[in-house]
Amino acid sequence: MKKAWLNFILHLTSYIYKNKTEIVSAKLPRSVYLAFSIIILEVLLFVISLPTYFLFPSAKLEGAEKYQEEMQKYRLQRKVTLVVVFTVAGIITLNAILLFLITFFG
């Protein structure tokens, strides 16, 4: 299951990269389509890969010692993603609490 999940993420990343390289040589209508496609795929990749950041810490990935540069990128990407997710979740929670307090006690 873990290999299939990571394999799907790698295929999606490869497809996004292919679109990014194609956008350089595409005409305007095609490049606009590719830009929106890349944005949607990046959001999808974020949603899909988010559980992997929680379930597969970098220390538990097999073969990590072979690919030190990629592991450093993965660790940085994991930290940035988790900070952004928790910050956004905290802001939304704080807004909901303040809205509740203002609505019922203000």
Protein backbone atom coordinates (compact mmCIF):
# COMPACT_ATOMS: atom_id res chain seq x y z
CA MET A 1 0.00 0.00 0.00
CA LYS A 2 2.79 2.39 0.94
CA LYS A 3 4.63 1.74 -2.35
CA ALA A 4 1.47 2.19 -4.39
CA TRP A 5 0.69 5.46 -2.61
CA LEU A 6 4.19 6.84 -3.10
CA ASN A 7 4.20 5.58 -6.70
CA PHE A 8 0.98 7.49 -7.41
CA ILE A 9 2.48 10.66 -5.95
CA LEU A 10 5.59 10.23 -8.10
CA HIS A 11 3.48 9.74 -11.24
CA LEU A 12 1.44 12.85 -10.44
CA THR A 13 4.63 14.83 -9.82
CA SER A 14 6.02 13.61 -13.12
CA TYR A 15 2.85 14.67 -14.95
CA ILE A 16 3.03 18.14 -13.35
CA TYR A 17 6.67 18.46 -14.41
CA LYS A 18 5.75 17.46 -17.97
CA ASN A 19 3.07 20.17 -18.05
CA LYS A 20 5.52 22.73 -16.67
CA THR A 21 8.03 21.99 -19.41
CA GLU A 22 5.32 22.03 -22.08
CA ILE A 23 3.98 25.42 -20.97
CA VAL A 24 7.21 27.11 -22.09
CA SER A 25 6.73 26.27 -25.75
CA ALA A 26 2.92 26.36 -25.91
CA LYS A 27 0.84 29.09 -27.56
CA LEU A 28 -1.30 31.40 -25.42
CA PRO A 29 -4.57 29.40 -25.24
CA ARG A 30 -2.74 26.17 -24.52
CA SER A 31 -0.45 27.81 -21.97
CA VAL A 32 -3.45 29.27 -20.09
CA TYR A 33 -5.03 25.81 -20.03
CA LEU A 34 -1.76 24.28 -18.82
CA ALA A 35 -1.37 26.95 -16.13
CA PHE A 36 -4.81 26.22 -14.69
CA SER A 37 -4.14 22.51 -15.02
CA ILE A 38 -0.88 22.85 -13.10
CA ILE A 39 -2.56 24.85 -10.34
CA ILE A 40 -5.31 22.25 -9.94
CA LEU A 41 -2.81 19.38 -10.01
CA GLU A 42 -0.57 21.10 -7.44
CA VAL A 43 -3.53 21.52 -5.08
CA LEU A 44 -4.47 17.89 -5.67
CA LEU A 45 -0.90 16.83 -5.01
CA PHE A 46 -0.89 18.85 -1.78
CA VAL A 47 -4.10 17.20 -0.57
CA ILE A 48 -2.95 13.72 -1.57
CA SER A 49 0.59 14.00 -0.23
CA LEU A 50 -0.42 15.59 3.07
CA PRO A 51 -1.12 12.20 4.72
CA THR A 52 2.30 10.97 3.63
CA TYR A 53 3.94 13.78 5.58
CA PHE A 54 2.14 12.57 8.70
CA LEU A 55 2.46 8.82 8.11
CA PHE A 56 5.94 8.51 6.62
CA PRO A 57 8.52 10.58 8.46
CA SER A 58 11.80 10.92 6.59
CA ALA A 59 13.65 8.68 9.03
CA LYS A 60 11.39 5.73 8.18
CA LEU A 61 11.70 5.91 4.39
CA GLU A 62 13.73 3.05 2.98
CA GLY A 63 16.84 3.89 1.05
CA ALA A 64 17.10 7.33 2.65
CA GLU A 65 20.85 7.03 3.11
CA LYS A 66 21.39 6.69 -0.66
CA TYR A 67 19.66 9.94 -1.59
CA GLN A 68 20.82 12.57 0.88
CA GLU A 69 20.07 15.60 -1.32
CA GLU A 70 16.54 14.42 -2.09
CA MET A 71 15.97 13.62 1.58
CA GLN A 72 17.01 17.15 2.56
CA LYS A 73 14.51 18.52 0.05
CA TYR A 74 11.84 16.17 1.36
CA ARG A 75 12.50 17.18 4.98
CA LEU A 76 12.35 20.87 4.10
CA GLN A 77 9.18 20.41 2.04
CA ARG A 78 7.63 18.37 4.87
CA LYS A 79 8.44 21.03 7.47
CA VAL A 80 7.13 23.88 5.32
CA THR A 81 3.94 22.00 4.50
CA LEU A 82 3.26 21.08 8.12
CA VAL A 83 3.92 24.65 9.30
CA VAL A 84 1.56 26.06 6.66
CA VAL A 85 -1.17 23.51 7.43
CA PHE A 86 -1.00 24.09 11.18
CA THR A 87 -0.84 27.87 10.75
CA VAL A 88 -3.88 27.94 8.47
CA ALA A 89 -5.74 25.55 10.78
CA GLY A 90 -4.86 27.76 13.77
CA ILE A 91 -6.04 30.92 12.01
CA ILE A 92 -9.33 29.27 10.99
CA THR A 93 -9.84 27.96 14.53
CA LEU A 94 -9.08 31.35 16.05
CA ASN A 95 -11.51 33.04 13.65
CA ALA A 96 -14.22 30.51 14.49
CA ILE A 97 -13.70 31.03 18.23
CA LEU A 98 -13.76 34.81 17.90
CA LEU A 99 -16.86 34.66 15.71
CA PHE A 100 -18.56 32.42 18.26
CA LEU A 101 -17.62 34.73 21.15
CA ILE A 102 -18.71 37.88 19.34
CA THR A 103 -21.97 36.31 18.16
CA PHE A 104 -23.11 34.89 21.50
CA PHE A 105 -21.49 37.21 24.03
CA GLY A 106 -21.07 40.48 22.15
